[in-house]
Amino acid sequence: MSLHILCASPFAGSCLEECARVIAADDALLLSGDGVYAALGEAAGTLHALHAAGVTIFALAEDCTARGIDTRLPGCITTVDYGGFVDRAVAHPRTVSWF
């Protein structure tokens, strides 16, 4: 059970695709920084597929608000604050960061 942290925009590289290839059904994905842009456009389809496969998806609320996308998040994403980020990290014995 791992927490994958996507920090880079999926439109600037292949981090989301690389993460999607290795993430498991009991893992969680947390979008932070420019990674929250994965909630938009074609990248959101990848998130929906991951969610349907059993991956829990979170996004840092502060980063969504700072980028003006907090009202456009798909229903498969749960927002968390920094305390929620820490809770997710504590709940998962391993973390993998994607830049």
C-alpha atoms as a PDB file:
ATOM      1  CA  MET A   1       0.000   0.000   0.000  1.00  0.00           C
ATOM      2  CA  SER A   2       1.734   3.142  -1.268  1.00  0.00           C
ATOM      3  CA  LEU A   3       0.956   6.830  -1.501  1.00  0.00           C
ATOM      4  CA  HIS A   4       1.921   8.207  -4.906  1.00  0.00           C
ATOM      5  CA  ILE A   5       2.431  11.977  -4.950  1.00  0.00           C
ATOM      6  CA  LEU A   6       2.114  13.607  -8.370  1.00  0.00           C
ATOM      7  CA  CYS A   7       3.865  16.986  -8.242  1.00  0.00           C
ATOM      8  CA  ALA A   8       4.305  17.827 -11.943  1.00  0.00           C
ATOM      9  CA  SER A   9       1.736  18.841 -14.501  1.00  0.00           C
ATOM     10  CA  PRO A  10       0.694  15.904 -16.680  1.00  0.00           C
ATOM     11  CA  PHE A  11       0.849  18.305 -19.628  1.00  0.00           C
ATOM     12  CA  ALA A  12       4.589  18.940 -19.129  1.00  0.00           C
ATOM     13  CA  GLY A  13       5.825  15.360 -19.164  1.00  0.00           C
ATOM     14  CA  SER A  14       4.916  11.722 -18.711  1.00  0.00           C
ATOM     15  CA  CYS A  15       4.746  11.458 -14.917  1.00  0.00           C
ATOM     16  CA  LEU A  16       1.035  10.632 -14.802  1.00  0.00           C
ATOM     17  CA  GLU A  17       1.360   7.879 -17.403  1.00  0.00           C
ATOM     18  CA  GLU A  18       4.413   6.422 -15.642  1.00  0.00           C
ATOM     19  CA  CYS A  19       2.600   6.493 -12.310  1.00  0.00           C
ATOM     20  CA  ALA A  20      -0.518   4.899 -13.824  1.00  0.00           C
ATOM     21  CA  ARG A  21       1.562   1.967 -15.083  1.00  0.00           C
ATOM     22  CA  VAL A  22       2.804   1.007 -11.609  1.00  0.00           C
ATOM     23  CA  ILE A  23       0.095   2.129  -9.187  1.00  0.00           C
ATOM     24  CA  ALA A  24      -1.908  -0.675  -7.548  1.00  0.00           C
ATOM     25  CA  ALA A  25      -5.570  -0.901  -6.586  1.00  0.00           C
ATOM     26  CA  ASP A  26      -4.895  -0.477  -2.854  1.00  0.00           C
ATOM     27  CA  ASP A  27      -2.647   2.555  -3.411  1.00  0.00           C
ATOM     28  CA  ALA A  28      -3.587   6.222  -3.177  1.00  0.00           C
ATOM     29  CA  LEU A  29      -2.672   9.112  -5.447  1.00  0.00           C
ATOM     30  CA  LEU A  30      -2.257  12.625  -4.097  1.00  0.00           C
ATOM     31  CA  LEU A  31      -2.079  15.551  -6.523  1.00  0.00           C
ATOM     32  CA  SER A  32       0.028  18.479  -5.338  1.00  0.00           C
ATOM     33  CA  GLY A  33       1.607  21.542  -6.908  1.00  0.00           C
ATOM     34  CA  ASP A  34       1.123  21.547 -10.663  1.00  0.00           C
ATOM     35  CA  GLY A  35       0.052  17.905 -10.386  1.00  0.00           C
ATOM     36  CA  VAL A  36      -3.462  19.141  -9.625  1.00  0.00           C
ATOM     37  CA  TYR A  37      -3.775  19.972 -13.327  1.00  0.00           C
ATOM     38  CA  ALA A  38      -4.287  16.222 -13.838  1.00  0.00           C
ATOM     39  CA  ALA A  39      -7.897  16.930 -12.859  1.00  0.00           C
ATOM     40  CA  LEU A  40      -8.415  18.720 -16.182  1.00  0.00           C
ATOM     41  CA  GLY A  41      -8.745  17.702 -19.803  1.00  0.00           C
ATOM     42  CA  GLU A  42      -7.627  14.330 -21.096  1.00  0.00           C
ATOM     43  CA  ALA A  43      -5.600  13.635 -17.962  1.00  0.00           C
ATOM     44  CA  ALA A  44      -8.842  13.481 -15.967  1.00  0.00           C
ATOM     45  CA  GLY A  45      -9.740  10.369 -17.963  1.00  0.00           C
ATOM     46  CA  THR A  46      -6.665   8.651 -16.548  1.00  0.00           C
ATOM     47  CA  LEU A  47      -7.764   9.603 -13.038  1.00  0.00           C
ATOM     48  CA  HIS A  48     -11.264   8.220 -13.648  1.00  0.00           C
ATOM     49  CA  ALA A  49      -9.746   4.931 -14.867  1.00  0.00           C
ATOM     50  CA  LEU A  50      -7.464   4.712 -11.836  1.00  0.00           C
ATOM     51  CA  HIS A  51     -10.374   5.433  -9.514  1.00  0.00           C
ATOM     52  CA  ALA A  52     -12.484   2.742 -11.210  1.00  0.00           C
ATOM     53  CA  ALA A  53      -9.576   0.309 -10.664  1.00  0.00           C
ATOM     54  CA  GLY A  54      -9.632   0.976  -6.902  1.00  0.00           C
ATOM     55  CA  VAL A  55      -7.115   3.799  -6.478  1.00  0.00           C
ATOM     56  CA  THR A  56      -8.148   6.524  -4.022  1.00  0.00           C
ATOM     57  CA  ILE A  57      -7.365  10.000  -5.370  1.00  0.00           C
ATOM     58  CA  PHE A  58      -6.739  13.142  -3.329  1.00  0.00           C
ATOM     59  CA  ALA A  59      -5.716  16.693  -4.224  1.00  0.00           C
ATOM     60  CA  LEU A  60      -4.315  19.439  -2.024  1.00  0.00           C
ATOM     61  CA  ALA A  61      -7.114  21.966  -1.699  1.00  0.00           C
ATOM     62  CA  GLU A  62      -4.698  24.894  -1.360  1.00  0.00           C
ATOM     63  CA  ASP A  63      -3.000  24.029  -4.654  1.00  0.00           C
ATOM     64  CA  CYS A  64      -6.337  23.636  -6.440  1.00  0.00           C
ATOM     65  CA  THR A  65      -7.475  27.025  -5.165  1.00  0.00           C
ATOM     66  CA  ALA A  66      -4.165  28.704  -6.045  1.00  0.00           C
ATOM     67  CA  ARG A  67      -4.497  27.451  -9.637  1.00  0.00           C
ATOM     68  CA  GLY A  68      -8.185  28.351  -9.939  1.00  0.00           C
ATOM     69  CA  ILE A  69      -9.430  24.813 -10.513  1.00  0.00           C
ATOM     70  CA  ASP A  70     -11.033  24.106  -7.130  1.00  0.00           C
ATOM     71  CA  THR A  71     -14.547  24.308  -8.618  1.00  0.00           C
ATOM     72  CA  ARG A  72     -13.734  22.085 -11.616  1.00  0.00           C
ATOM     73  CA  LEU A  73     -12.548  18.900  -9.894  1.00  0.00           C
ATOM     74  CA  PRO A  74     -14.101  15.592 -10.967  1.00  0.00           C
ATOM     75  CA  GLY A  75     -16.080  13.676  -8.371  1.00  0.00           C
ATOM     76  CA  CYS A  76     -13.399  10.977  -8.100  1.00  0.00           C
ATOM     77  CA  ILE A  77     -11.064  13.431  -6.328  1.00  0.00           C
ATOM     78  CA  THR A  78     -11.276  14.236  -2.623  1.00  0.00           C
ATOM     79  CA  THR A  79      -9.594  17.457  -1.526  1.00  0.00           C
ATOM     80  CA  VAL A  80      -7.444  17.534   1.591  1.00  0.00           C
ATOM     81  CA  ASP A  81      -5.564  20.231   3.442  1.00  0.00           C
ATOM     82  CA  TYR A  82      -1.941  19.865   4.569  1.00  0.00           C
ATOM     83  CA  GLY A  83      -3.071  18.004   7.684  1.00  0.00           C
ATOM     84  CA  GLY A  84      -4.906  15.549   5.431  1.00  0.00           C
ATOM     85  CA  PHE A  85      -1.723  15.159   3.387  1.00  0.00           C
ATOM     86  CA  VAL A  86       0.143  14.195   6.545  1.00  0.00           C
ATOM     87  CA  ASP A  87      -2.651  11.776   7.491  1.00  0.00           C
ATOM     88  CA  ARG A  88      -2.365  10.102   4.069  1.00  0.00           C
ATOM     89  CA  ALA A  89       1.424   9.811   4.436  1.00  0.00           C
ATOM     90  CA  VAL A  90       1.070   8.251   7.888  1.00  0.00           C
ATOM     91  CA  ALA A  91      -1.600   5.813   6.651  1.00  0.00           C
ATOM     92  CA  HIS A  92       0.641   4.516   3.833  1.00  0.00           C
ATOM     93  CA  PRO A  93       3.949   2.829   4.738  1.00  0.00           C
ATOM     94  CA  ARG A  94       5.597   3.862   1.426  1.00  0.00           C
ATOM     95  CA  THR A  95       5.523   7.040  -0.635  1.00  0.00           C
ATOM     96  CA  VAL A  96       6.578   7.576  -4.236  1.00  0.00           C
ATOM     97  CA  SER A  97       6.978  11.100  -5.606  1.00  0.00           C
ATOM     98  CA  TRP A  98       6.494  11.815  -9.297  1.00  0.00           C
ATOM     99  CA  PHE A  99       8.095  14.974 -10.719  1.00  0.00           C
END
